[in-house]
Amino acid sequence: MPKSDYDVVIAGGGMAGLITAASIGYNSKGSARVLVVDRNKESEPGRKTNNGWTCGDATSKRSLDYLADHIGIRYGAPELEHPVKGVYVYSPDRKSKVLFEGEGYLFNRKLAPRRQVDDARKSGAEFLFGATAERLLSEGDKITGVTGRKSDGTSFSFTAKMVIDATGSSSTLRRFLPIPSMIEKEIDPDDVVGTGRYILDFEPSKEDPTFFSPDYCIIHLDQFIAPAGYAWVFPKGKKKVNIGLGVSHSGLARRNRRFGLNDNLQSLIDKYLADNPVIKNYTQPADDANSGNTKGNWQVPVRRHNDCMVANGFAVVGDSAWMPRPIDAGGISPSIYGGTILGKVVAEALEAGDTSEAGLWKYNVEYMGTHGYPMASFEVLRRYLQTVTNDQINYGMKHFLSEEDVLAITERKHPEFNQARFMNPTMWFRILSQLPLARGLRYTVKKSAALVEINLGYPESPKGFGEWQKRLERELSETVSKFKPLDVAN
């Protein structure tokens, strides 16, 4: 057979694609021939849309340590812009707050891809900028390359032992995968949220840690401000902020109908910003590190990652694999874990001469066991939270959320909500005051335990996938019918 142009073609030069490229190079000791195809100009790698590199920018120290420990990459200034000590989550009435401790950082998402391109190049990767991958090549039941078009209108075609899709949640490569596979091709629209944010320099008009802290990320839960989502104030310095929110499209439509309003995502963001009593006299920074990236919207998947992420000669990673965490739409950490693991598995598969579905299957197993196993349970918790009112959130955060629950969420586990247990006599009065809320929380705990058990039993080979997925879908389908989205926000 003719020699392939490359061992691996990675479609998409965002965070997931670039980390995967660096990981392949690291684990193959630079021997793998890797090409990254990025639609952006070389001077603007990783740009998501015309609005820039729209993102909440936050990630945990834990994920950065994982990257350093496994492929030797340690980020610092300027790609890491500001450290934080943890996250405060506030109830809608602002009377209850919960601290999720754990160090983290705010990325500069415009500068970070420049560093990541350098990391990938040092690992041996080549780049084709200003080019969009459009279709996959195949022979029989195996992917053999990719075709596309350059910004000047000319076409390109490359053969490869495998293609990695890192082009985002609406990927045409995944949707039009031309070979039989167990990869899900389409996502339910209700599993996608609209997000948007500003990056601003400002002069604080007062001190109020409920609305801004240079040391902590702040999340505001509010079904009126951010229906079926949340709003955030993330510090990027003492006088610099990433402020925005994410909403469910259907949740926003129901909220607008209920209150006779016509808000859209941008109008909600603008109102949220205007109502912040600390962030005043603000401007959008125009220096090289920020210009073209200070205002933007983006669509983010918020379901569990794709149940299967590999096929013969093909894999998905990052948003293409629907990796962002369902409970908060955070995508940086999953991309770090996913790209690092996929790169190692690909290097091993190339060494073994087997980039088949079976040869790549270890990526599914290792990602599920390392980072992915709680995501189905967080999907259920997200669905449940979309059914509760602001009054119920206020009550639940005040009476039902314990320190143990907070620690569990921090450790990427599902909270137990033991304060809402019916066997807790000291809590009977509070439980009876909000019986539907207590029952809902306890149901999610029971369902979570079942889902985590299923995911930790992910099949070691493709042979057991069908039965495993049926079992998972049975558990999840019950929650879809049980948790009807909130129609009245108050």
Protein backbone atom coordinates (compact mmCIF):
# COMPACT_ATOMS: atom_id res chain seq x y z
CA MET A 1 0.00 0.00 0.00
CA PRO A 2 1.21 3.54 -0.70
CA LYS A 3 2.74 5.44 2.18
CA SER A 4 0.43 7.97 3.85
CA ASP A 5 1.23 11.66 3.67
CA TYR A 6 1.09 11.79 7.49
CA ASP A 7 0.67 9.42 10.38
CA VAL A 8 -1.98 11.72 11.89
CA VAL A 9 -3.93 14.71 10.63
CA ILE A 10 -5.55 16.77 13.39
CA ALA A 11 -8.43 18.90 12.13
CA GLY A 12 -8.74 21.94 14.40
CA GLY A 13 -6.03 23.94 16.10
CA GLY A 14 -7.83 24.91 19.28
CA MET A 15 -6.82 23.85 22.77
CA ALA A 16 -7.87 20.20 22.41
CA GLY A 17 -6.21 19.76 19.02
CA LEU A 18 -2.96 21.45 20.03
CA ILE A 19 -2.60 19.51 23.28
CA THR A 20 -3.28 16.29 21.41
CA ALA A 21 -0.56 17.16 18.89
CA ALA A 22 1.95 17.88 21.67
CA SER A 23 1.01 14.65 23.45
CA ILE A 24 1.47 12.55 20.31
CA GLY A 25 4.90 14.09 19.81
CA TYR A 26 5.91 13.61 23.43
CA ASN A 27 4.78 9.99 23.58
CA SER A 28 6.22 9.07 20.17
CA LYS A 29 9.49 10.86 20.99
CA GLY A 30 8.95 13.05 17.94
CA SER A 31 8.81 10.16 15.48
CA ALA A 32 5.13 10.58 14.49
CA ARG A 33 4.39 12.67 11.39
CA VAL A 34 1.59 14.97 12.56
CA LEU A 35 -0.18 17.74 10.63
CA VAL A 36 -2.51 20.23 12.34
CA VAL A 37 -5.02 21.89 10.00
CA ASP A 38 -6.33 25.18 11.41
CA ARG A 39 -8.73 27.52 9.66
CA ASN A 40 -7.15 30.56 11.34
CA LYS A 41 -4.22 32.69 10.28
CA GLU A 42 -0.90 31.73 11.82
CA SER A 43 -0.94 35.00 13.75
CA GLU A 44 -4.29 34.07 15.35
CA PRO A 45 -4.18 30.34 16.18
CA GLY A 46 -7.10 28.79 18.00
CA ARG A 47 -9.53 31.63 17.27
CA LYS A 48 -13.09 30.30 17.62
CA THR A 49 -15.14 32.85 15.70
CA ASN A 50 -15.02 36.41 14.40
CA ASN A 51 -15.67 37.36 18.03
CA GLY A 52 -12.36 35.92 19.12
CA TRP A 53 -11.46 33.20 21.61
CA THR A 54 -14.69 33.36 23.63
CA CYS A 55 -14.38 31.38 26.86
CA GLY A 56 -14.81 31.66 30.61
CA ASP A 57 -11.00 31.24 30.72
CA ALA A 58 -10.89 29.39 34.06
CA THR A 59 -9.31 26.03 34.80
CA SER A 60 -8.09 24.12 37.82
CA LYS A 61 -4.52 23.73 39.01
CA ARG A 62 -5.26 20.01 39.13
CA SER A 63 -5.68 19.79 35.35
CA LEU A 64 -2.55 21.86 34.72
CA ASP A 65 -0.58 19.57 37.03
CA TYR A 66 -1.93 16.57 35.08
CA LEU A 67 -0.61 18.09 31.86
CA ALA A 68 2.80 18.78 33.40
CA ASP A 69 3.07 15.34 34.98
CA HIS A 70 2.11 13.43 31.82
CA ILE A 71 3.67 15.33 28.92
CA GLY A 72 6.02 17.76 30.65
CA ILE A 73 4.28 21.00 29.68
CA ARG A 74 4.03 23.64 32.39
CA TYR A 75 2.16 26.82 31.63
CA GLY A 76 3.03 30.22 33.08
CA ALA A 77 2.81 33.88 32.14
CA PRO A 78 1.56 35.21 29.78
CA GLU A 79 -0.76 32.32 28.85
CA LEU A 80 -1.81 32.02 32.51
CA GLU A 81 -3.06 35.48 33.34
CA HIS A 82 -4.24 35.37 36.95
CA PRO A 83 -4.37 32.86 39.85
CA VAL A 84 -7.46 32.23 41.99
CA LYS A 85 -7.97 30.44 45.30
CA GLY A 86 -11.39 28.94 44.61
CA VAL A 87 -14.97 29.56 43.51
CA TYR A 88 -17.83 31.16 45.44
CA VAL A 89 -21.34 30.18 44.34
CA TYR A 90 -24.16 32.52 45.40
CA SER A 91 -27.86 31.79 45.71
CA PRO A 92 -30.33 33.95 43.73
CA ASP A 93 -31.14 36.06 46.80
CA ARG A 94 -27.36 36.45 47.48
CA LYS A 95 -27.98 35.42 51.11
CA SER A 96 -26.24 32.04 50.84
CA LYS A 97 -22.82 31.34 49.43
CA VAL A 98 -20.74 28.21 49.12
CA LEU A 99 -16.97 28.12 48.72
CA PHE A 100 -15.51 25.50 46.43
CA GLU A 101 -11.87 25.62 47.43
CA GLY A 102 -9.15 24.66 45.02
CA GLU A 103 -6.47 26.65 43.28
CA GLY A 104 -6.93 27.60 39.66
CA TYR A 105 -6.00 30.05 36.97
CA LEU A 106 -7.52 32.32 34.38
CA PHE A 107 -6.07 31.71 30.94
CA ASN A 108 -5.44 34.36 28.36
CA ARG A 109 -7.15 32.43 25.58
CA LYS A 110 -5.70 34.64 22.84
CA LEU A 111 -2.10 34.13 23.92
CA ALA A 112 -2.36 30.50 25.09
CA PRO A 113 -2.67 29.00 21.57
CA ARG A 114 0.57 30.71 20.54
CA ARG A 115 2.37 28.86 23.33
CA GLN A 116 0.53 25.64 22.44
CA VAL A 117 1.53 25.91 18.79
CA ASP A 118 5.15 26.23 19.92
CA ASP A 119 4.75 23.17 22.17
CA ALA A 120 3.32 21.14 19.29
CA ARG A 121 6.06 22.24 16.90
CA LYS A 122 8.75 21.32 19.42
CA SER A 123 7.15 17.86 19.49
CA GLY A 124 7.47 17.59 15.70
CA ALA A 125 4.04 18.71 14.46
CA GLU A 126 3.60 20.58 11.19
CA PHE A 127 0.87 23.17 10.56
CA LEU A 128 -1.38 24.20 7.70
CA PHE A 129 -3.00 27.50 8.67
CA GLY A 130 -5.80 29.21 6.78
CA ALA A 131 -7.36 25.89 5.82
CA THR A 132 -10.63 24.15 6.75
CA ALA A 133 -11.07 20.38 6.85
CA GLU A 134 -14.38 19.59 5.16
CA ARG A 135 -14.67 15.87 4.44
CA LEU A 136 -13.07 12.62 5.51
CA LEU A 137 -11.51 10.19 3.06
CA SER A 138 -12.24 6.50 3.54
CA GLU A 139 -11.51 3.10 2.08
CA GLY A 140 -13.89 0.35 3.07
CA ASP A 141 -14.64 0.79 6.77
CA LYS A 142 -11.54 2.88 7.62
CA ILE A 143 -10.80 6.62 7.55
CA THR A 144 -7.74 7.26 5.38
CA GLY A 145 -7.41 11.03 5.24
CA VAL A 146 -9.11 14.38 4.92
CA THR A 147 -9.93 16.94 2.25
CA GLY A 148 -10.71 20.62 2.53
CA ARG A 149 -10.20 24.10 1.24
CA LYS A 150 -7.64 26.80 1.90
CA SER A 151 -8.53 30.43 2.46
CA ASP A 152 -7.40 31.27 -1.08
CA GLY A 153 -10.02 28.90 -2.47
CA THR A 154 -7.68 26.09 -3.48
CA SER A 155 -8.35 22.59 -2.24
CA PHE A 156 -6.13 20.17 -0.33
CA SER A 157 -6.15 16.46 0.31
CA PHE A 158 -3.96 14.46 2.69
CA THR A 159 -3.86 10.77 3.43
CA ALA A 160 -3.15 9.61 6.98
CA LYS A 161 -3.16 6.55 9.17
CA MET A 162 -5.76 8.35 11.24
CA VAL A 163 -7.62 11.66 11.50
CA ILE A 164 -8.46 13.41 14.77
CA ASP A 165 -11.49 15.71 14.81
CA ALA A 166 -10.98 18.72 17.10
CA THR A 167 -13.15 21.14 15.13
CA GLY A 168 -15.84 21.81 17.75
CA SER A 169 -19.29 20.72 18.83
CA SER A 170 -20.96 21.25 15.44
CA SER A 171 -18.25 19.34 13.58
CA THR A 172 -19.13 18.39 10.01
CA LEU A 173 -16.46 15.68 10.07
CA ARG A 174 -18.24 13.85 12.88
CA ARG A 175 -21.71 14.49 11.49
CA PHE A 176 -20.80 13.12 8.05
CA LEU A 177 -18.53 10.32 9.19
CA PRO A 178 -18.57 8.05 6.11
CA ILE A 179 -17.90 4.71 7.81
CA PRO A 180 -19.92 2.57 10.22
CA SER A 181 -19.10 3.50 13.82
CA MET A 182 -20.49 3.73 17.34
CA ILE A 183 -19.75 7.46 17.56
CA GLU A 184 -22.90 9.54 18.03
CA LYS A 185 -23.08 12.10 15.24
CA GLU A 186 -25.71 14.60 16.42
CA ILE A 187 -26.36 16.35 19.74
CA ASP A 188 -29.79 17.22 21.12
CA PRO A 189 -30.33 21.01 20.91
CA ASP A 190 -31.40 20.98 24.58
CA ASP A 191 -27.90 19.73 25.43
CA VAL A 192 -26.33 22.94 24.09
CA VAL A 193 -26.16 26.27 25.92
CA GLY A 194 -25.44 29.74 24.64
CA THR A 195 -22.64 31.51 26.49
CA GLY A 196 -21.23 35.01 26.18
CA ARG A 197 -18.90 37.32 28.02
CA TYR A 198 -16.94 40.55 28.15
CA ILE A 199 -13.29 41.02 29.12
CA LEU A 200 -13.00 44.44 30.74
CA ASP A 201 -10.60 46.75 32.51
CA PHE A 202 -12.45 48.75 35.16
CA GLU A 203 -12.18 51.01 38.18
CA PRO A 204 -13.93 49.45 41.20
CA SER A 205 -16.64 51.78 42.47
CA LYS A 206 -16.76 49.99 45.84
CA GLU A 207 -15.66 46.80 47.60
CA ASP A 208 -18.27 44.04 47.56
CA PRO A 209 -16.99 40.45 47.35
CA THR A 210 -20.49 39.28 46.40
CA PHE A 211 -19.93 40.85 42.99
CA PHE A 212 -16.15 40.91 42.50
CA SER A 213 -13.09 39.50 44.22
CA PRO A 214 -9.55 39.48 42.82
CA ASP A 215 -8.91 36.17 44.58
CA TYR A 216 -12.03 34.12 43.81
CA CYS A 217 -14.20 33.25 40.86
CA ILE A 218 -17.86 34.11 41.50
CA ILE A 219 -20.89 32.25 40.15
CA HIS A 220 -24.43 33.58 40.54
CA LEU A 221 -27.31 31.15 40.26
CA ASP A 222 -30.50 32.85 39.11
CA GLN A 223 -33.24 31.42 36.90
CA PHE A 224 -34.32 34.92 35.87
CA ILE A 225 -30.89 36.32 34.98
CA ALA A 226 -29.50 33.07 33.55
CA PRO A 227 -32.37 30.62 32.98
CA ALA A 228 -31.23 27.00 33.19
CA GLY A 229 -27.65 28.26 33.46
CA TYR A 230 -25.54 30.59 35.58
CA ALA A 231 -23.74 33.93 35.50
CA TRP A 232 -20.10 34.50 36.38
CA VAL A 233 -17.57 37.12 37.45
CA PHE A 234 -14.05 35.75 37.03
CA PRO A 235 -11.09 37.98 37.98
CA LYS A 236 -8.25 38.41 35.53
CA GLY A 237 -6.50 40.90 37.81
CA LYS A 238 -7.37 43.40 40.53
CA LYS A 239 -9.06 45.64 37.97
CA LYS A 240 -9.74 43.25 35.13
CA VAL A 241 -12.62 40.79 34.74
CA ASN A 242 -14.20 38.12 32.56
CA ILE A 243 -17.95 38.62 33.13
CA GLY A 244 -20.73 36.76 31.38
CA LEU A 245 -23.36 34.06 31.56
CA GLY A 246 -24.67 30.91 29.95
CA VAL A 247 -28.30 30.05 29.26
CA SER A 248 -30.32 27.20 27.85
CA HIS A 249 -32.01 28.36 24.65
CA SER A 250 -35.26 26.62 25.53
CA GLY A 251 -35.02 27.86 29.13
CA LEU A 252 -34.66 31.44 27.94
CA ALA A 253 -37.66 31.04 25.62
CA ARG A 254 -39.81 29.74 28.49
CA ARG A 255 -38.65 32.54 30.78
CA ASN A 256 -39.47 35.17 28.14
CA ARG A 257 -42.94 33.71 27.59
CA ARG A 258 -43.65 33.63 31.31
CA PHE A 259 -42.73 37.27 31.88
CA GLY A 260 -43.72 38.72 28.53
CA LEU A 261 -40.12 39.68 27.72
CA ASN A 262 -38.01 39.53 24.59
CA ASP A 263 -34.51 39.16 26.03
CA ASN A 264 -31.70 37.44 24.17
CA LEU A 265 -28.32 36.25 25.39
CA GLN A 266 -26.59 39.57 24.75
CA SER A 267 -29.27 41.67 26.43
CA LEU A 268 -29.06 39.44 29.52
CA ILE A 269 -25.28 39.84 29.62
CA ASP A 270 -25.54 43.61 29.26
CA LYS A 271 -28.10 43.80 32.07
CA TYR A 272 -26.00 41.57 34.31
CA LEU A 273 -23.00 43.84 33.74
CA ALA A 274 -25.01 47.02 34.33
CA ASP A 275 -26.37 45.68 37.62
CA ASN A 276 -22.92 44.87 39.03
CA PRO A 277 -22.23 47.56 41.67
CA VAL A 278 -18.44 47.07 41.62
CA ILE A 279 -17.59 46.97 37.93
CA LYS A 280 -17.98 50.57 36.71
CA ASN A 281 -16.08 52.92 34.42
CA TYR A 282 -15.06 49.95 32.31
CA THR A 283 -13.36 49.72 28.93
CA GLN A 284 -12.56 46.88 26.59
CA PRO A 285 -8.74 46.51 26.59
CA ALA A 286 -7.13 47.13 23.20
CA ASP A 287 -3.60 45.81 23.70
CA ASP A 288 -2.26 42.86 21.72
CA ALA A 289 -3.09 40.38 24.48
CA ASN A 290 -6.79 41.28 24.36
CA SER A 291 -7.77 43.09 21.16
CA GLY A 292 -10.37 41.22 19.13
CA ASN A 293 -11.28 39.07 22.13
CA THR A 294 -13.16 41.33 24.54
CA LYS A 295 -16.76 40.56 23.57
CA GLY A 296 -18.28 37.41 22.13
CA ASN A 297 -20.83 34.58 22.25
CA TRP A 298 -20.34 30.85 21.85
CA GLN A 299 -22.32 27.58 21.86
CA VAL A 300 -21.20 24.88 24.33
CA PRO A 301 -22.35 21.24 24.66
CA VAL A 302 -23.46 20.33 28.20
CA ARG A 303 -24.10 16.60 28.17
CA ARG A 304 -21.79 13.70 28.95
CA HIS A 305 -19.00 13.21 26.43
CA ASN A 306 -19.67 11.03 23.41
CA ASP A 307 -20.20 7.45 24.62
CA CYS A 308 -17.71 6.25 22.01
CA MET A 309 -14.96 8.55 20.75
CA VAL A 310 -13.13 6.32 18.25
CA ALA A 311 -13.68 4.55 14.95
CA ASN A 312 -11.34 2.88 12.46
CA GLY A 313 -8.70 5.53 11.79
CA PHE A 314 -10.66 8.29 13.52
CA ALA A 315 -11.15 9.94 16.93
CA VAL A 316 -12.91 12.98 18.39
CA VAL A 317 -11.63 15.21 21.21
CA GLY A 318 -12.62 18.41 23.01
CA ASP A 319 -15.93 20.01 22.03
CA SER A 320 -16.11 17.67 19.02
CA ALA A 321 -16.49 14.89 21.59
CA TRP A 322 -18.89 17.03 23.72
CA MET A 323 -16.39 17.01 26.57
CA PRO A 324 -17.29 20.23 28.48
CA ARG A 325 -18.57 19.46 31.99
CA PRO A 326 -22.40 19.39 31.96
CA ILE A 327 -22.83 21.23 35.25
CA ASP A 328 -20.81 24.33 34.34
CA ALA A 329 -19.86 24.09 30.62
CA GLY A 330 -16.16 24.16 31.55
CA GLY A 331 -14.16 22.89 28.58
CA ILE A 332 -10.50 23.64 29.32
CA SER A 333 -9.89 20.87 31.84
CA PRO A 334 -11.63 18.18 29.73
CA SER A 335 -9.57 19.24 26.72
CA ILE A 336 -6.37 18.93 28.76
CA TYR A 337 -7.26 15.45 29.98
CA GLY A 338 -8.73 14.31 26.66
CA GLY A 339 -5.89 15.62 24.50
CA THR A 340 -3.20 14.24 26.81
CA ILE A 341 -4.77 10.78 26.94
CA LEU A 342 -5.62 10.63 23.23
CA GLY A 343 -2.08 11.61 22.26
CA LYS A 344 -0.61 8.80 24.33
CA VAL A 345 -3.02 6.22 22.92
CA VAL A 346 -2.40 7.36 19.34
CA ALA A 347 1.37 7.12 19.80
CA GLU A 348 0.96 3.58 21.12
CA ALA A 349 -1.37 2.65 18.25
CA LEU A 350 1.08 3.98 15.67
CA GLU A 351 3.89 2.02 17.29
CA ALA A 352 1.74 -1.13 17.18
CA GLY A 353 0.64 -0.46 13.59
CA ASP A 354 -3.02 -0.58 14.60
CA THR A 355 -5.18 2.55 14.38
CA SER A 356 -8.39 0.55 14.16
CA GLU A 357 -11.32 1.09 16.49
CA ALA A 358 -9.98 -1.69 18.71
CA GLY A 359 -6.46 -0.27 18.57
CA LEU A 360 -7.70 3.14 19.73
CA TRP A 361 -10.26 1.85 22.24
CA LYS A 362 -7.98 2.48 25.21
CA TYR A 363 -8.70 6.22 24.75
CA ASN A 364 -12.37 5.59 25.64
CA VAL A 365 -11.46 3.48 28.64
CA GLU A 366 -8.75 5.73 30.04
CA TYR A 367 -10.65 8.99 29.62
CA MET A 368 -13.73 7.50 31.27
CA GLY A 369 -11.72 6.14 34.18
CA THR A 370 -9.69 9.32 34.67
CA HIS A 371 -12.03 12.24 34.02
CA GLY A 372 -15.24 11.17 32.31
CA TYR A 373 -16.93 8.79 34.73
CA PRO A 374 -18.95 11.44 36.69
CA MET A 375 -20.15 13.35 33.61
CA ALA A 376 -23.38 11.38 33.10
CA SER A 377 -24.32 12.04 36.72
CA PHE A 378 -23.55 15.75 36.29
CA GLU A 379 -25.79 15.67 33.22
CA VAL A 380 -28.60 14.41 35.47
CA LEU A 381 -27.87 17.07 38.11
CA ARG A 382 -27.92 19.73 35.40
CA ARG A 383 -31.31 18.51 34.20
CA TYR A 384 -32.65 18.55 37.74
CA LEU A 385 -31.41 22.08 38.44
CA GLN A 386 -33.32 23.22 35.34
CA THR A 387 -36.55 22.19 37.08
CA VAL A 388 -36.16 24.21 40.29
CA THR A 389 -37.19 27.78 41.03
CA ASN A 390 -35.10 30.55 42.55
CA ASP A 391 -36.96 30.07 45.86
CA GLN A 392 -36.03 26.39 45.87
CA ILE A 393 -32.38 27.17 45.06
CA ASN A 394 -32.32 29.69 47.93
CA TYR A 395 -33.79 27.13 50.31
CA GLY A 396 -31.63 24.25 49.14
CA MET A 397 -28.35 26.16 49.40
CA LYS A 398 -29.28 27.39 52.88
CA HIS A 399 -30.49 24.10 54.34
CA PHE A 400 -29.52 21.10 52.20
CA LEU A 401 -25.98 21.74 50.92
CA SER A 402 -23.33 20.50 53.35
CA GLU A 403 -19.55 20.85 53.49
CA GLU A 404 -19.32 17.22 52.38
CA ASP A 405 -21.41 18.00 49.28
CA VAL A 406 -19.15 20.92 48.44
CA LEU A 407 -16.05 18.75 48.81
CA ALA A 408 -17.59 16.08 46.58
CA ILE A 409 -18.28 18.57 43.78
CA THR A 410 -14.76 19.97 44.14
CA GLU A 411 -13.40 16.44 43.75
CA ARG A 412 -15.56 15.92 40.60
CA LYS A 413 -17.94 13.61 42.47
CA HIS A 414 -21.69 13.84 42.78
CA PRO A 415 -22.84 15.33 46.13
CA GLU A 416 -24.73 13.04 48.51
CA PHE A 417 -27.14 15.71 49.85
CA ASN A 418 -27.31 13.88 53.19
CA GLN A 419 -28.97 16.94 54.74
CA ALA A 420 -32.02 16.09 52.64
CA ARG A 421 -32.17 12.45 53.76
CA PHE A 422 -35.52 11.39 55.17
CA MET A 423 -33.69 9.36 57.84
CA ASN A 424 -32.25 12.57 59.32
CA PRO A 425 -34.71 13.48 62.16
CA THR A 426 -33.04 16.84 62.83
CA MET A 427 -33.91 17.91 59.29
CA TRP A 428 -37.54 16.70 59.16
CA PHE A 429 -39.08 20.15 59.50
CA ARG A 430 -36.88 21.62 56.80
CA ILE A 431 -37.44 18.61 54.53
CA LEU A 432 -41.20 18.80 54.94
CA SER A 433 -41.08 22.52 54.13
CA GLN A 434 -39.61 21.67 50.72
CA LEU A 435 -40.53 18.03 50.21
CA PRO A 436 -40.36 18.06 46.36
CA LEU A 437 -36.90 19.62 46.50
CA ALA A 438 -35.64 17.06 49.02
CA ARG A 439 -37.07 14.20 46.99
CA GLY A 440 -35.49 15.52 43.81
CA LEU A 441 -32.08 15.86 45.41
CA ARG A 442 -32.22 12.38 46.87
CA TYR A 443 -33.31 10.97 43.50
CA THR A 444 -30.29 12.53 41.80
CA VAL A 445 -28.02 10.96 44.43
CA LYS A 446 -29.45 7.50 43.79
CA LYS A 447 -29.29 7.95 40.04
CA SER A 448 -25.75 9.31 40.24
CA ALA A 449 -24.48 6.27 42.09
CA ALA A 450 -25.95 4.01 39.41
CA LEU A 451 -24.44 6.04 36.57
CA VAL A 452 -20.97 6.21 38.12
CA GLU A 453 -21.04 2.44 38.63
CA ILE A 454 -21.99 1.93 34.99
CA ASN A 455 -19.28 4.27 33.72
CA LEU A 456 -16.56 2.74 35.88
CA GLY A 457 -17.55 -0.53 34.24
CA TYR A 458 -16.89 0.83 30.74
CA PRO A 459 -16.09 -2.10 28.42
CA GLU A 460 -12.44 -2.87 27.81
CA SER A 461 -13.08 -3.57 24.12
CA PRO A 462 -15.68 -2.65 21.46
CA LYS A 463 -17.32 -6.05 21.90
CA GLY A 464 -19.08 -5.09 25.13
CA PHE A 465 -20.08 -1.57 24.08
CA GLY A 466 -23.61 -2.27 22.85
CA GLU A 467 -24.85 -3.79 26.10
CA TRP A 468 -23.05 -1.18 28.18
CA GLN A 469 -24.64 1.68 26.24
CA LYS A 470 -28.14 0.17 26.52
CA ARG A 471 -27.72 0.02 30.28
CA LEU A 472 -26.55 3.64 30.41
CA GLU A 473 -29.39 4.86 28.20
CA ARG A 474 -32.00 3.11 30.33
CA GLU A 475 -30.83 5.02 33.39
CA LEU A 476 -30.63 8.35 31.58
CA SER A 477 -33.96 8.08 29.75
CA GLU A 478 -35.77 7.86 33.08
CA THR A 479 -34.33 11.20 34.16
CA VAL A 480 -35.35 12.88 30.90
CA SER A 481 -38.98 11.92 31.46
CA LYS A 482 -38.86 12.73 35.18
CA PHE A 483 -37.18 16.14 35.08
CA LYS A 484 -39.37 18.45 33.05
CA PRO A 485 -37.72 21.86 32.51
CA LEU A 486 -38.86 24.76 34.68
CA ASP A 487 -41.64 26.78 33.08
CA VAL A 488 -41.97 29.42 35.75
CA ALA A 489 -38.92 31.20 37.16
CA ASN A 490 -39.41 33.29 40.30
